[in-house]
């Protein structure tokens, strides 16, 4: 069983905040630990926002407690009446995440059965210790780089399988492929985008993320691959053009990686298109429909490659293109 960093921070932060409150001689020192538990968040951005929401909500809760307990008295019904008024105010101030935290302060003031300057000071210190400890611990966030790279590698592995399975189908009409890799890729992309969002929130000054554009590009490519499948299924058996397209898909599958040499394959695709145009004109309705499907398929492949070409600067210069006829997409 894997123990996450959030669990470790909670386990470390709770005794620290309780110990600090004890050393300061605060009566409700346990409340500092409760506040820390409630304030540990999965990212730096959420941590800062959470600290602000909870701090403001606690201050508002203390003011409400002074008014309600001071004017009406210390009775459980008063707590309910106060919450009816307090919660809408937190909604209006957009600090609803602080409702649970501020409830700790409300109950502390209620249990004291009196409100004094020293008690309010004590509650303020509990807020600062509890929220402050959580905020300091949340300044450390483990890097997501390793996890994101793993998702990238997994995605490219399944892209290779998909492209090679398409090649096998075109060449041999192999219908054993279930297509499950398409669903796996969708799941990986969703998990990867969640990681990107979390990692982005850990860098407060970062407006963009280096992996975001990559996974967005792959998502669009996956959609294009799904659009290609019906077109591929209509290709004729062992036609010369079909076999060349099968070889093209196989080469694409063997060359999937994060780099960008899409320009090489765009050139190869253009050669394939010229050969396609040089073929005899269709004579029957079936041949015409086949030719139309081929044309649409080549267009989808071109869009697939253009997505990668636009994603980042090409890794291929003119000299390399002249010397090298293989690449990656």
Protein backbone atom coordinates (compact mmCIF):
# COMPACT_ATOMS: atom_id res chain seq x y z
CA UNK A 1 0.00 0.00 0.00
CA UNK A 2 1.45 3.33 -1.10
CA UNK A 3 1.39 6.21 1.40
CA UNK A 4 0.97 9.58 -0.32
CA UNK A 5 2.76 12.81 0.56
CA UNK A 6 -0.50 14.34 1.80
CA UNK A 7 -0.85 11.55 4.38
CA UNK A 8 2.75 12.00 5.51
CA UNK A 9 2.30 15.78 5.83
CA UNK A 10 -0.85 15.27 7.90
CA UNK A 11 0.96 12.80 10.16
CA UNK A 12 3.86 15.24 10.64
CA UNK A 13 1.91 18.49 10.82
CA UNK A 14 -0.76 17.44 13.33
CA UNK A 15 1.59 16.65 16.26
CA UNK A 16 3.72 19.71 15.43
CA UNK A 17 0.77 22.11 15.64
CA UNK A 18 -0.57 20.43 18.79
CA UNK A 19 2.88 20.62 20.42
CA UNK A 20 3.26 24.32 19.58
CA UNK A 21 -0.19 25.07 21.02
CA UNK A 22 0.68 23.10 24.15
CA UNK A 23 3.98 24.94 24.62
CA UNK A 24 2.11 28.25 24.41
CA UNK A 25 -0.27 27.03 27.10
CA UNK A 26 -3.40 27.25 24.95
CA UNK A 27 -6.48 25.60 26.44
CA UNK A 28 -7.90 24.00 23.29
CA UNK A 29 -4.50 22.91 21.94
CA UNK A 30 -6.05 19.86 20.21
CA UNK A 31 -7.96 22.23 17.93
CA UNK A 32 -4.67 23.31 16.33
CA UNK A 33 -4.17 19.72 15.15
CA UNK A 34 -7.72 19.55 13.78
CA UNK A 35 -7.16 22.78 11.85
CA UNK A 36 -3.92 21.39 10.38
CA UNK A 37 -5.66 18.17 9.27
CA UNK A 38 -8.40 20.18 7.54
CA UNK A 39 -5.92 22.48 5.79
CA UNK A 40 -3.49 20.00 4.18
CA UNK A 41 -4.08 20.26 0.40
CA UNK A 42 -2.75 18.39 -2.68
CA UNK A 43 -1.14 21.46 -4.32
CA UNK A 44 0.52 24.77 -3.39
CA UNK A 45 -2.14 26.87 -5.10
CA UNK A 46 -4.97 25.07 -3.33
CA UNK A 47 -3.02 25.33 -0.09
CA UNK A 48 -2.69 29.13 -0.31
CA UNK A 49 -6.35 29.53 -1.29
CA UNK A 50 -7.42 27.12 1.45
CA UNK A 51 -5.39 29.00 4.07
CA UNK A 52 -7.00 32.30 3.06
CA UNK A 53 -10.54 30.85 2.93
CA UNK A 54 -10.21 29.16 6.30
CA UNK A 55 -8.53 32.10 8.02
CA UNK A 56 -11.21 34.55 6.86
CA UNK A 57 -14.02 32.11 7.70
CA UNK A 58 -12.60 31.66 11.22
CA UNK A 59 -12.45 35.42 11.80
CA UNK A 60 -16.05 35.79 10.59
CA UNK A 61 -17.08 32.85 12.81
CA UNK A 62 -15.50 34.53 15.84
CA UNK A 63 -17.44 37.74 15.13
CA UNK A 64 -20.70 35.80 14.75
CA UNK A 65 -19.99 33.97 18.02
CA UNK A 66 -19.48 37.26 19.88
CA UNK A 67 -22.83 38.55 18.62
CA UNK A 68 -24.94 35.39 19.01
CA UNK A 69 -23.50 33.98 22.22
CA UNK A 70 -23.16 37.43 23.78
CA UNK A 71 -26.70 38.57 22.96
CA UNK A 72 -28.71 35.33 23.02
CA UNK A 73 -26.73 33.00 25.28
CA UNK A 74 -24.98 29.65 25.30
CA UNK A 75 -27.51 27.08 24.15
CA UNK A 76 -27.20 24.41 21.44
CA UNK A 77 -30.12 25.97 19.55
CA UNK A 78 -28.10 29.18 19.26
CA UNK A 79 -25.39 27.27 17.38
CA UNK A 80 -27.97 26.16 14.80
CA UNK A 81 -29.42 29.66 14.46
CA UNK A 82 -25.94 31.11 14.04
CA UNK A 83 -24.99 28.58 11.35
CA UNK A 84 -28.16 29.44 9.41
CA UNK A 85 -26.87 33.02 9.20
CA UNK A 86 -23.14 32.23 9.06
CA UNK A 87 -23.09 29.75 6.15
CA UNK A 88 -24.81 32.10 3.64
CA UNK A 89 -22.23 34.77 4.56
CA UNK A 90 -19.37 32.37 3.76
CA UNK A 91 -21.05 31.62 0.43
CA UNK A 92 -21.32 35.34 -0.29
CA UNK A 93 -17.64 35.85 0.64
CA UNK A 94 -16.70 32.73 -1.41
CA UNK A 95 -14.95 31.08 1.54
CA UNK A 96 -17.16 27.98 1.90
CA UNK A 97 -14.12 25.65 2.24
CA UNK A 98 -13.58 27.32 5.62
CA UNK A 99 -16.95 26.28 7.10
CA UNK A 100 -15.59 23.09 8.72
CA UNK A 101 -12.52 24.89 10.07
CA UNK A 102 -14.49 27.81 11.48
CA UNK A 103 -16.91 25.37 13.15
CA UNK A 104 -14.01 24.32 15.39
CA UNK A 105 -13.64 27.92 16.60
CA UNK A 106 -17.41 28.28 17.11
CA UNK A 107 -17.55 25.12 19.25
CA UNK A 108 -14.48 26.20 21.25
CA UNK A 109 -16.15 29.52 22.10
CA UNK A 110 -19.41 27.73 22.92
CA UNK A 111 -17.72 25.22 25.25
CA UNK A 112 -15.98 28.06 27.12
CA UNK A 113 -19.42 29.49 28.01
CA UNK A 114 -17.88 32.96 28.03
CA UNK A 115 -16.14 35.29 25.61
CA UNK A 116 -13.19 37.40 26.70
CA UNK A 117 -10.26 39.12 25.07
CA UNK A 118 -7.85 36.41 26.22
CA UNK A 119 -10.10 33.65 24.85
CA UNK A 120 -10.39 35.37 21.47
CA UNK A 121 -6.60 35.83 21.40
CA UNK A 122 -6.20 32.14 22.16
CA UNK A 123 -8.53 31.19 19.29
CA UNK A 124 -6.62 33.50 16.95
CA UNK A 125 -3.35 31.79 17.92
CA UNK A 126 -4.93 28.37 17.31
CA UNK A 127 -5.98 29.53 13.83
CA UNK A 128 -2.50 30.85 13.04
CA UNK A 129 -0.74 27.72 14.37
CA UNK A 130 -3.09 25.20 12.72
CA UNK A 131 -3.40 26.88 9.33
CA UNK A 132 0.20 28.15 9.35
CA UNK A 133 1.65 24.69 10.00
CA UNK A 134 -0.36 23.21 7.13
CA UNK A 135 0.65 26.07 4.83
CA UNK A 136 4.36 25.63 5.61
CA UNK A 137 4.20 21.87 5.02
CA UNK A 138 2.37 22.41 1.74
CA UNK A 139 5.22 24.56 0.46
CA UNK A 140 6.98 21.26 -0.28
CA UNK A 141 5.38 19.39 -3.16
CA UNK A 142 7.00 16.38 -4.84
CA UNK A 143 7.78 16.80 -8.53
CA UNK A 144 5.33 15.24 -11.00
CA UNK A 145 8.02 14.99 -13.69
CA UNK A 146 8.61 11.25 -13.21
CA UNK A 147 4.88 10.45 -13.26
CA UNK A 148 4.26 12.63 -16.31
CA UNK A 149 7.17 11.03 -18.18
CA UNK A 150 5.77 7.61 -17.31
CA UNK A 151 2.36 8.60 -18.72
CA UNK A 152 4.07 9.88 -21.84
CA UNK A 153 5.95 6.59 -22.30
CA UNK A 154 2.78 4.54 -21.72
CA UNK A 155 0.82 6.63 -24.20
CA UNK A 156 3.44 6.32 -26.90
CA UNK A 157 3.68 2.57 -26.34
CA UNK A 158 -0.06 2.17 -26.99
CA UNK A 159 0.08 4.56 -29.95
CA UNK A 160 2.68 2.24 -31.48
CA UNK A 161 0.37 -0.75 -30.96
CA UNK A 162 -2.59 1.07 -32.54
CA UNK A 163 -0.62 2.15 -35.61
CA UNK A 164 0.89 -1.31 -36.09
CA UNK A 165 -2.51 -2.99 -35.69
CA UNK A 166 -3.93 -0.68 -38.36
CA UNK A 167 -1.04 -1.70 -40.64
CA UNK A 168 -1.74 -5.40 -39.96
CA UNK A 169 -5.42 -4.97 -40.75
CA UNK A 170 -4.73 -3.19 -44.05
CA UNK A 171 -2.12 -5.76 -45.09
CA UNK A 172 -3.72 -9.02 -43.90
CA UNK A 173 -7.30 -8.03 -42.97
CA UNK A 174 -6.47 -9.20 -39.45
CA UNK A 175 -9.71 -8.79 -37.46
CA UNK A 176 -8.41 -10.14 -34.14
CA UNK A 177 -7.64 -6.68 -32.77
CA UNK A 178 -10.23 -5.61 -30.17
CA UNK A 179 -9.25 -1.94 -30.20
CA UNK A 180 -8.93 -1.87 -26.40
CA UNK A 181 -5.78 0.27 -26.71
CA UNK A 182 -7.95 3.20 -27.81
CA UNK A 183 -9.79 3.15 -24.48
CA UNK A 184 -6.54 2.69 -22.57
CA UNK A 185 -5.10 5.77 -24.30
CA UNK A 186 -8.16 7.81 -23.33
CA UNK A 187 -7.72 6.79 -19.69
CA UNK A 188 -4.00 7.61 -19.76
CA UNK A 189 -4.72 11.02 -21.29
CA UNK A 190 -7.28 11.83 -18.59
CA UNK A 191 -4.89 10.78 -15.81
CA UNK A 192 -2.07 12.73 -17.44
CA UNK A 193 -4.13 15.92 -17.73
CA UNK A 194 -5.09 15.61 -14.05
CA UNK A 195 -1.39 15.36 -13.17
CA UNK A 196 -0.59 18.36 -15.39
CA UNK A 197 -3.24 20.43 -13.60
CA UNK A 198 -1.91 19.40 -10.18
CA UNK A 199 1.70 20.10 -11.16
CA UNK A 200 0.72 23.46 -12.61
CA UNK A 201 -0.96 24.38 -9.31
CA UNK A 202 2.29 23.54 -7.52
CA UNK A 203 4.06 26.29 -9.48
CA UNK A 204 2.26 29.48 -8.51
CA UNK A 205 4.03 31.68 -11.08
CA UNK A 206 3.67 29.25 -14.00
CA UNK A 207 0.94 30.09 -16.51
CA UNK A 208 1.70 27.21 -18.91
CA UNK A 209 2.91 23.65 -18.48
CA UNK A 210 5.42 21.91 -20.81
CA UNK A 211 3.46 18.65 -20.85
CA UNK A 212 0.01 20.17 -21.36
CA UNK A 213 0.44 20.94 -25.06
CA UNK A 214 1.94 17.49 -25.62
CA UNK A 215 -1.02 15.61 -24.14
CA UNK A 216 -3.53 17.91 -25.88
CA UNK A 217 -1.76 17.15 -29.17
CA UNK A 218 -1.87 13.40 -28.50
CA UNK A 219 -5.57 13.63 -27.61
CA UNK A 220 -6.32 15.22 -30.97
CA UNK A 221 -4.18 12.62 -32.73
CA UNK A 222 -6.10 9.84 -30.97
CA UNK A 223 -9.38 11.33 -32.19
CA UNK A 224 -8.00 11.33 -35.74
CA UNK A 225 -6.93 7.68 -35.41
CA UNK A 226 -10.47 6.80 -34.35
CA UNK A 227 -11.80 8.64 -37.42
CA UNK A 228 -9.40 6.70 -39.66
CA UNK A 229 -10.61 3.25 -38.58
CA UNK A 230 -13.87 3.21 -40.64
CA UNK A 231 -11.90 4.42 -43.68
CA UNK A 232 -9.26 1.74 -43.18
CA UNK A 233 -11.93 -0.97 -43.00
CA UNK A 234 -13.12 -0.04 -46.51
CA UNK A 235 -9.74 -0.36 -48.20
CA UNK A 236 -9.50 -3.09 -50.87
CA UNK A 237 -7.69 -6.37 -50.19
CA UNK A 238 -3.95 -6.31 -51.00
CA UNK A 239 -4.25 -3.41 -53.42
CA UNK A 240 -0.85 -1.87 -54.29
CA UNK A 241 -1.81 1.50 -52.81
CA UNK A 242 -3.29 -0.19 -49.72
CA UNK A 243 -0.06 -2.07 -49.10
CA UNK A 244 1.93 1.16 -49.35
CA UNK A 245 -0.42 2.77 -46.82
CA UNK A 246 0.06 -0.26 -44.55
CA UNK A 247 3.83 0.22 -44.76
CA UNK A 248 3.34 3.91 -43.99
CA UNK A 249 1.32 3.15 -40.83
CA UNK A 250 3.90 0.57 -39.76
CA UNK A 251 6.70 3.13 -40.14
CA UNK A 252 4.67 5.65 -38.13
CA UNK A 253 4.18 3.07 -35.38
CA UNK A 254 7.88 2.24 -35.22
CA UNK A 255 8.80 5.93 -34.95
CA UNK A 256 6.52 7.28 -32.21
CA UNK A 257 8.40 9.40 -29.64
CA UNK A 258 8.29 12.93 -28.14
CA UNK A 259 10.56 14.44 -30.81
CA UNK A 260 9.28 16.07 -33.98
CA UNK A 261 10.31 14.72 -37.35
CA UNK A 262 6.82 14.88 -38.81
CA UNK A 263 8.15 16.81 -41.81
CA UNK A 264 9.86 13.61 -43.01
CA UNK A 265 6.58 11.74 -43.02
CA UNK A 266 4.72 14.61 -44.62
CA UNK A 267 7.20 14.35 -47.50
CA UNK A 268 6.63 10.59 -47.69
CA UNK A 269 2.89 11.16 -47.60
CA UNK A 270 3.18 13.59 -50.50
CA UNK A 271 5.08 10.93 -52.48
CA UNK A 272 2.31 8.46 -51.69
CA UNK A 273 -0.31 10.96 -52.82
CA UNK A 274 1.51 11.49 -56.13
CA UNK A 275 1.56 7.74 -56.74
CA UNK A 276 -2.10 7.63 -55.87
CA UNK A 277 -2.86 10.39 -58.40
CA UNK A 278 -0.89 8.53 -61.07
CA UNK A 279 -3.17 5.49 -60.81
CA UNK A 280 -5.77 4.89 -63.52
CA UNK A 281 -9.07 6.69 -63.04
CA UNK A 282 -11.82 4.61 -61.39
CA UNK A 283 -14.17 2.89 -63.79
CA UNK A 284 -16.83 1.45 -61.48
CA UNK A 285 -18.85 2.81 -58.57
CA UNK A 286 -16.94 0.56 -56.17
CA UNK A 287 -13.58 1.78 -57.45
CA UNK A 288 -14.76 5.38 -57.18
CA UNK A 289 -15.84 4.89 -53.54
CA UNK A 290 -12.53 3.18 -52.77
CA UNK A 291 -10.63 6.07 -54.32
CA UNK A 292 -12.68 8.57 -52.27
CA UNK A 293 -11.96 6.64 -49.04
CA UNK A 294 -8.25 6.60 -49.87
CA UNK A 295 -8.29 10.34 -50.45
CA UNK A 296 -10.04 10.96 -47.10
CA UNK A 297 -7.65 8.61 -45.30
CA UNK A 298 -4.60 10.42 -46.69
CA UNK A 299 -6.14 13.70 -45.57
CA UNK A 300 -6.65 12.37 -42.02
CA UNK A 301 -3.06 11.10 -41.93
CA UNK A 302 -1.85 14.52 -43.04
CA UNK A 303 -3.84 16.19 -40.23
CA UNK A 304 -2.33 13.68 -37.79
CA UNK A 305 1.19 14.65 -38.85
CA UNK A 306 0.47 18.38 -38.97
CA UNK A 307 -0.62 18.26 -35.32
CA UNK A 308 2.84 17.00 -34.36
CA UNK A 309 4.57 19.45 -36.67
CA UNK A 310 2.76 22.39 -35.03
CA UNK A 311 3.36 21.05 -31.53
CA UNK A 312 7.05 21.94 -31.37
CA UNK A 313 9.98 23.05 -33.50
CA UNK A 314 11.10 20.38 -35.91
CA UNK A 315 14.00 18.15 -34.88
CA UNK A 316 14.95 17.83 -38.53
CA UNK A 317 16.82 20.41 -40.57
CA UNK A 318 17.32 20.38 -44.31
CA UNK A 319 20.69 18.62 -44.13
CA UNK A 320 19.27 15.85 -41.97
CA UNK A 321 16.34 15.41 -44.33
CA UNK A 322 18.76 14.81 -47.19
CA UNK A 323 20.78 12.27 -45.22
CA UNK A 324 18.05 10.59 -43.21
CA UNK A 325 14.85 8.95 -44.34
CA UNK A 326 13.53 7.80 -40.98
CA UNK A 327 12.10 9.78 -38.11
CA UNK A 328 9.51 10.01 -35.39
CA UNK A 329 5.95 11.26 -34.97
